[in-house]
């Protein structure tokens, strides 16, 4: 599926459709997620971080930093944050979130 959609709403809906039941964005959808975000979504810069965790963090930060339709995506972000908290713990999550935010913010430059 190609994501040449211009509207933010279409991107948000496409990302929501790729979220797993548990709240993660799976590495099996890396190609589609990369196309939607407009950047390659690969391995985490930190060793030992699961790919699903890094991809989920990137999507969460992308939605929070780049998308204005918060009413559309806030619940899926909440679900993803719950999953991330279970997998990582809150301390590890904070550091990785900063790294993900830097990467997402660099897209706008």
N, C-alpha and C. Protein backbone atom coordinates (compact mmCIF):
# COMPACT_ATOMS: atom_id res chain seq x y z
N UNK A 1 0.85 -1.17 0.00
CA UNK A 1 0.00 0.00 0.00
C UNK A 1 0.90 1.23 0.00
N UNK A 2 0.62 2.19 -0.83
CA UNK A 2 1.42 3.39 -0.93
C UNK A 2 0.74 4.53 -0.19
N UNK A 3 1.52 5.29 0.55
CA UNK A 3 0.98 6.38 1.35
C UNK A 3 1.45 7.72 0.79
N UNK A 4 0.82 8.13 -0.28
CA UNK A 4 1.14 9.43 -0.86
C UNK A 4 0.12 10.45 -0.38
N UNK A 5 -0.60 10.11 0.65
CA UNK A 5 -1.64 10.98 1.17
C UNK A 5 -1.04 12.28 1.67
N UNK A 6 -1.69 13.35 1.39
CA UNK A 6 -1.21 14.65 1.81
C UNK A 6 -1.82 15.08 3.14
N UNK A 7 -3.01 14.68 3.41
CA UNK A 7 -3.67 15.20 4.61
C UNK A 7 -3.17 14.49 5.87
N UNK A 8 -3.04 15.28 6.92
CA UNK A 8 -2.62 14.75 8.21
C UNK A 8 -3.64 13.73 8.71
N UNK A 9 -4.89 13.98 8.46
CA UNK A 9 -5.94 13.06 8.90
C UNK A 9 -5.75 11.68 8.28
N UNK A 10 -5.42 11.62 7.00
CA UNK A 10 -5.19 10.33 6.35
C UNK A 10 -4.00 9.60 6.97
N UNK A 11 -2.95 10.34 7.29
CA UNK A 11 -1.78 9.73 7.91
C UNK A 11 -2.13 9.17 9.28
N UNK A 12 -2.87 9.93 10.06
CA UNK A 12 -3.27 9.48 11.39
C UNK A 12 -4.09 8.21 11.29
N UNK A 13 -5.06 8.19 10.40
CA UNK A 13 -5.91 7.00 10.25
C UNK A 13 -5.11 5.79 9.78
N UNK A 14 -4.15 6.03 8.88
CA UNK A 14 -3.32 4.92 8.41
C UNK A 14 -2.46 4.36 9.54
N UNK A 15 -1.92 5.24 10.37
CA UNK A 15 -1.12 4.77 11.52
C UNK A 15 -1.99 4.01 12.52
N UNK A 16 -3.16 4.52 12.79
CA UNK A 16 -4.06 3.86 13.73
C UNK A 16 -4.40 2.45 13.24
N UNK A 17 -4.61 2.31 11.95
CA UNK A 17 -4.95 1.00 11.39
C UNK A 17 -3.82 -0.02 11.56
N UNK A 18 -2.58 0.45 11.70
CA UNK A 18 -1.44 -0.45 11.83
C UNK A 18 -1.11 -0.82 13.28
N UNK A 19 -1.75 -0.16 14.24
CA UNK A 19 -1.46 -0.45 15.64
C UNK A 19 -1.99 -1.82 16.03
N UNK A 20 -1.21 -2.56 16.81
CA UNK A 20 -1.63 -3.89 17.25
C UNK A 20 -2.65 -3.78 18.38
N UNK A 21 -3.29 -4.87 18.67
CA UNK A 21 -4.27 -4.93 19.75
C UNK A 21 -3.67 -4.51 21.09
N UNK A 22 -2.41 -4.86 21.31
CA UNK A 22 -1.74 -4.57 22.59
C UNK A 22 -1.28 -3.12 22.71
N UNK A 23 -1.24 -2.39 21.59
CA UNK A 23 -0.85 -0.99 21.64
C UNK A 23 0.43 -0.66 20.90
N UNK A 24 1.17 -1.67 20.49
CA UNK A 24 2.44 -1.44 19.79
C UNK A 24 2.21 -1.26 18.29
N UNK A 25 3.17 -0.61 17.66
CA UNK A 25 3.23 -0.63 16.20
C UNK A 25 4.30 -1.66 15.87
N UNK A 26 3.92 -2.74 15.19
CA UNK A 26 4.83 -3.87 15.00
C UNK A 26 5.88 -3.64 13.91
N UNK A 27 7.02 -4.28 14.11
CA UNK A 27 8.10 -4.18 13.13
C UNK A 27 7.70 -4.79 11.79
N UNK A 28 6.70 -5.63 11.78
CA UNK A 28 6.24 -6.22 10.51
C UNK A 28 5.63 -5.17 9.59
N UNK A 29 5.28 -4.01 10.13
CA UNK A 29 4.71 -2.92 9.33
C UNK A 29 5.71 -1.79 9.10
N UNK A 30 7.01 -2.09 9.25
CA UNK A 30 8.04 -1.05 9.17
C UNK A 30 8.01 -0.30 7.84
N UNK A 31 7.77 -0.98 6.74
CA UNK A 31 7.73 -0.32 5.44
C UNK A 31 6.59 0.68 5.33
N UNK A 32 5.43 0.27 5.78
CA UNK A 32 4.27 1.15 5.74
C UNK A 32 4.43 2.34 6.69
N UNK A 33 4.95 2.07 7.88
CA UNK A 33 5.15 3.14 8.86
C UNK A 33 6.19 4.13 8.35
N UNK A 34 7.26 3.63 7.77
CA UNK A 34 8.30 4.50 7.20
C UNK A 34 7.72 5.40 6.12
N UNK A 35 6.85 4.85 5.28
CA UNK A 35 6.23 5.64 4.21
C UNK A 35 5.32 6.72 4.79
N UNK A 36 4.57 6.41 5.81
CA UNK A 36 3.66 7.37 6.41
C UNK A 36 4.44 8.49 7.10
N UNK A 37 5.47 8.13 7.86
CA UNK A 37 6.25 9.11 8.59
C UNK A 37 7.19 9.89 7.68
N UNK A 38 7.46 9.35 6.51
CA UNK A 38 8.35 10.03 5.57
C UNK A 38 9.81 9.92 5.97
N UNK A 39 10.14 8.86 6.67
CA UNK A 39 11.52 8.61 7.10
C UNK A 39 11.72 7.13 7.30
N UNK A 40 12.94 6.66 7.16
CA UNK A 40 13.18 5.24 7.42
C UNK A 40 13.04 4.97 8.92
N UNK A 41 12.31 3.95 9.23
CA UNK A 41 12.12 3.54 10.63
C UNK A 41 12.88 2.24 10.79
N UNK A 42 14.03 2.34 11.43
CA UNK A 42 14.88 1.16 11.55
C UNK A 42 15.13 0.79 12.98
N UNK A 43 16.34 0.40 13.23
CA UNK A 43 16.74 -0.05 14.55
C UNK A 43 16.93 1.14 15.49
N UNK A 44 16.75 0.90 16.74
CA UNK A 44 16.97 1.90 17.77
C UNK A 44 18.46 2.19 17.88
N UNK A 45 18.82 3.44 18.10
CA UNK A 45 20.24 3.76 18.26
C UNK A 45 20.86 3.16 19.52
N UNK A 46 20.05 2.73 20.46
CA UNK A 46 20.55 2.07 21.67
C UNK A 46 20.48 0.57 21.49
N UNK A 47 21.53 -0.11 21.89
CA UNK A 47 21.54 -1.57 21.81
C UNK A 47 20.56 -2.17 22.81
N UNK A 48 19.99 -3.30 22.43
CA UNK A 48 19.14 -4.03 23.34
C UNK A 48 17.69 -3.59 23.38
N UNK A 49 17.31 -2.59 22.59
CA UNK A 49 15.92 -2.13 22.56
C UNK A 49 15.19 -2.86 21.43
N UNK A 50 14.08 -3.48 21.77
CA UNK A 50 13.30 -4.21 20.77
C UNK A 50 12.84 -3.26 19.67
N UNK A 51 12.82 -3.77 18.47
CA UNK A 51 12.43 -2.95 17.32
C UNK A 51 11.00 -2.44 17.46
N UNK A 52 10.08 -3.28 17.95
CA UNK A 52 8.69 -2.84 18.14
C UNK A 52 8.61 -1.67 19.12
N UNK A 53 9.46 -1.69 20.14
CA UNK A 53 9.48 -0.60 21.13
C UNK A 53 9.90 0.69 20.45
N UNK A 54 10.99 0.66 19.69
CA UNK A 54 11.50 1.86 19.04
C UNK A 54 10.49 2.40 18.02
N UNK A 55 9.92 1.53 17.21
CA UNK A 55 8.94 1.96 16.21
C UNK A 55 7.73 2.58 16.90
N UNK A 56 7.26 1.97 17.97
CA UNK A 56 6.12 2.51 18.71
C UNK A 56 6.45 3.88 19.27
N UNK A 57 7.63 4.04 19.82
CA UNK A 57 8.04 5.35 20.33
C UNK A 57 8.08 6.40 19.23
N UNK A 58 8.60 6.03 18.08
CA UNK A 58 8.65 6.98 16.96
C UNK A 58 7.25 7.41 16.53
N UNK A 59 6.34 6.45 16.44
CA UNK A 59 4.97 6.79 16.04
C UNK A 59 4.31 7.66 17.10
N UNK A 60 4.47 7.32 18.36
CA UNK A 60 3.87 8.11 19.44
C UNK A 60 4.38 9.55 19.38
N UNK A 61 5.69 9.72 19.29
CA UNK A 61 6.26 11.07 19.26
C UNK A 61 5.87 11.81 17.98
N UNK A 62 5.76 11.10 16.87
CA UNK A 62 5.31 11.71 15.62
C UNK A 62 3.90 12.27 15.79
N UNK A 63 3.03 11.47 16.34
CA UNK A 63 1.65 11.92 16.54
C UNK A 63 1.60 13.12 17.48
N UNK A 64 2.35 13.05 18.58
CA UNK A 64 2.32 14.12 19.57
C UNK A 64 2.95 15.42 19.06
N UNK A 65 3.99 15.31 18.27
CA UNK A 65 4.73 16.50 17.84
C UNK A 65 4.26 17.07 16.50
N UNK A 66 3.68 16.23 15.66
CA UNK A 66 3.40 16.65 14.28
C UNK A 66 1.94 16.68 13.89
N UNK A 67 1.08 16.05 14.67
CA UNK A 67 -0.31 15.95 14.28
C UNK A 67 -1.22 16.74 15.20
N UNK A 68 -2.09 17.52 14.62
CA UNK A 68 -2.97 18.37 15.42
C UNK A 68 -4.30 17.70 15.77
N UNK A 69 -4.63 16.61 15.15
CA UNK A 69 -5.92 15.95 15.37
C UNK A 69 -5.90 15.11 16.64
N UNK A 70 -5.58 15.73 17.77
CA UNK A 70 -5.39 14.99 19.02
C UNK A 70 -6.61 14.18 19.42
N UNK A 71 -7.79 14.67 19.13
CA UNK A 71 -9.00 13.93 19.44
C UNK A 71 -9.06 12.61 18.71
N UNK A 72 -8.40 12.51 17.58
CA UNK A 72 -8.39 11.29 16.78
C UNK A 72 -7.36 10.29 17.30
N UNK A 73 -6.21 10.76 17.74
CA UNK A 73 -5.12 9.84 18.09
C UNK A 73 -4.81 9.72 19.59
N UNK A 74 -5.41 10.51 20.44
CA UNK A 74 -5.02 10.50 21.85
C UNK A 74 -5.22 9.14 22.53
N UNK A 75 -6.28 8.45 22.23
CA UNK A 75 -6.52 7.15 22.87
C UNK A 75 -5.54 6.08 22.40
N UNK A 76 -5.16 6.11 21.13
CA UNK A 76 -4.19 5.11 20.66
C UNK A 76 -2.81 5.39 21.24
N UNK A 77 -2.48 6.66 21.44
CA UNK A 77 -1.21 7.01 22.08
C UNK A 77 -1.23 6.56 23.54
N UNK A 78 -2.33 6.76 24.20
CA UNK A 78 -2.46 6.32 25.60
C UNK A 78 -2.27 4.80 25.70
N UNK A 79 -2.87 4.08 24.79
CA UNK A 79 -2.73 2.62 24.77
C UNK A 79 -1.27 2.23 24.50
N UNK A 80 -0.63 2.91 23.56
CA UNK A 80 0.77 2.62 23.25
C UNK A 80 1.67 2.93 24.44
N UNK A 81 1.41 4.03 25.12
CA UNK A 81 2.20 4.39 26.30
C UNK A 81 2.04 3.35 27.41
N UNK A 82 0.85 2.80 27.55
CA UNK A 82 0.63 1.74 28.53
C UNK A 82 1.47 0.52 28.20
N UNK A 83 1.48 0.14 26.94
CA UNK A 83 2.28 -1.00 26.49
C UNK A 83 3.77 -0.73 26.70
N UNK A 84 4.22 0.47 26.32
CA UNK A 84 5.62 0.83 26.48
C UNK A 84 6.03 0.81 27.95
N UNK A 85 5.17 1.30 28.81
CA UNK A 85 5.46 1.30 30.24
C UNK A 85 5.62 -0.11 30.80
N UNK A 86 4.80 -1.03 30.31
CA UNK A 86 4.89 -2.42 30.73
C UNK A 86 6.18 -3.07 30.24
N UNK A 87 6.55 -2.79 29.01
CA UNK A 87 7.71 -3.42 28.40
C UNK A 87 9.02 -2.81 28.91
N UNK A 88 9.06 -1.50 29.06
CA UNK A 88 10.30 -0.80 29.38
C UNK A 88 10.45 -0.36 30.83
N UNK A 89 9.37 0.05 31.43
CA UNK A 89 9.45 0.75 32.70
C UNK A 89 9.58 2.24 32.42
N UNK A 90 9.15 3.05 33.34
CA UNK A 90 9.05 4.49 33.09
C UNK A 90 10.39 5.18 32.94
N UNK A 91 11.41 4.78 33.69
CA UNK A 91 12.71 5.44 33.60
C UNK A 91 13.34 5.25 32.23
N UNK A 92 13.35 4.04 31.75
CA UNK A 92 13.92 3.75 30.43
C UNK A 92 13.11 4.43 29.33
N UNK A 93 11.82 4.49 29.53
CA UNK A 93 10.93 5.11 28.54
C UNK A 93 11.26 6.59 28.34
N UNK A 94 11.53 7.30 29.41
CA UNK A 94 11.79 8.74 29.31
C UNK A 94 13.01 9.04 28.44
N UNK A 95 14.09 8.32 28.63
CA UNK A 95 15.30 8.54 27.84
C UNK A 95 15.10 8.22 26.38
N UNK A 96 14.45 7.12 26.10
CA UNK A 96 14.18 6.75 24.71
C UNK A 96 13.23 7.73 24.04
N UNK A 97 12.29 8.25 24.81
CA UNK A 97 11.35 9.23 24.25
C UNK A 97 12.08 10.48 23.77
N UNK A 98 13.07 10.91 24.53
CA UNK A 98 13.84 12.09 24.13
C UNK A 98 14.57 11.83 22.81
N UNK A 99 15.14 10.64 22.67
CA UNK A 99 15.84 10.28 21.43
C UNK A 99 14.87 10.23 20.25
N UNK A 100 13.70 9.65 20.47
CA UNK A 100 12.69 9.59 19.41
C UNK A 100 12.22 10.97 19.02
N UNK A 101 12.01 11.84 20.00
CA UNK A 101 11.56 13.21 19.73
C UNK A 101 12.59 13.97 18.90
N UNK A 102 13.87 13.82 19.22
CA UNK A 102 14.92 14.49 18.45
C UNK A 102 14.88 14.06 16.99
N UNK A 103 14.73 12.76 16.78
CA UNK A 103 14.68 12.25 15.42
C UNK A 103 13.46 12.77 14.67
N UNK A 104 12.30 12.77 15.30
CA UNK A 104 11.08 13.26 14.67
C UNK A 104 11.21 14.76 14.39
N UNK A 105 11.74 15.53 15.32
CA UNK A 105 11.89 16.97 15.13
C UNK A 105 12.87 17.30 14.01
N UNK A 106 13.84 16.44 13.79
CA UNK A 106 14.80 16.68 12.71
C UNK A 106 14.14 16.56 11.34
N UNK A 107 12.99 15.91 11.26
CA UNK A 107 12.26 15.79 9.99
C UNK A 107 11.78 17.16 9.51
N UNK A 108 11.42 18.01 10.44
CA UNK A 108 10.87 19.31 10.09
C UNK A 108 11.92 20.32 9.64
N UNK A 109 13.18 19.97 9.76
CA UNK A 109 14.23 20.92 9.40
C UNK A 109 14.62 20.81 7.96
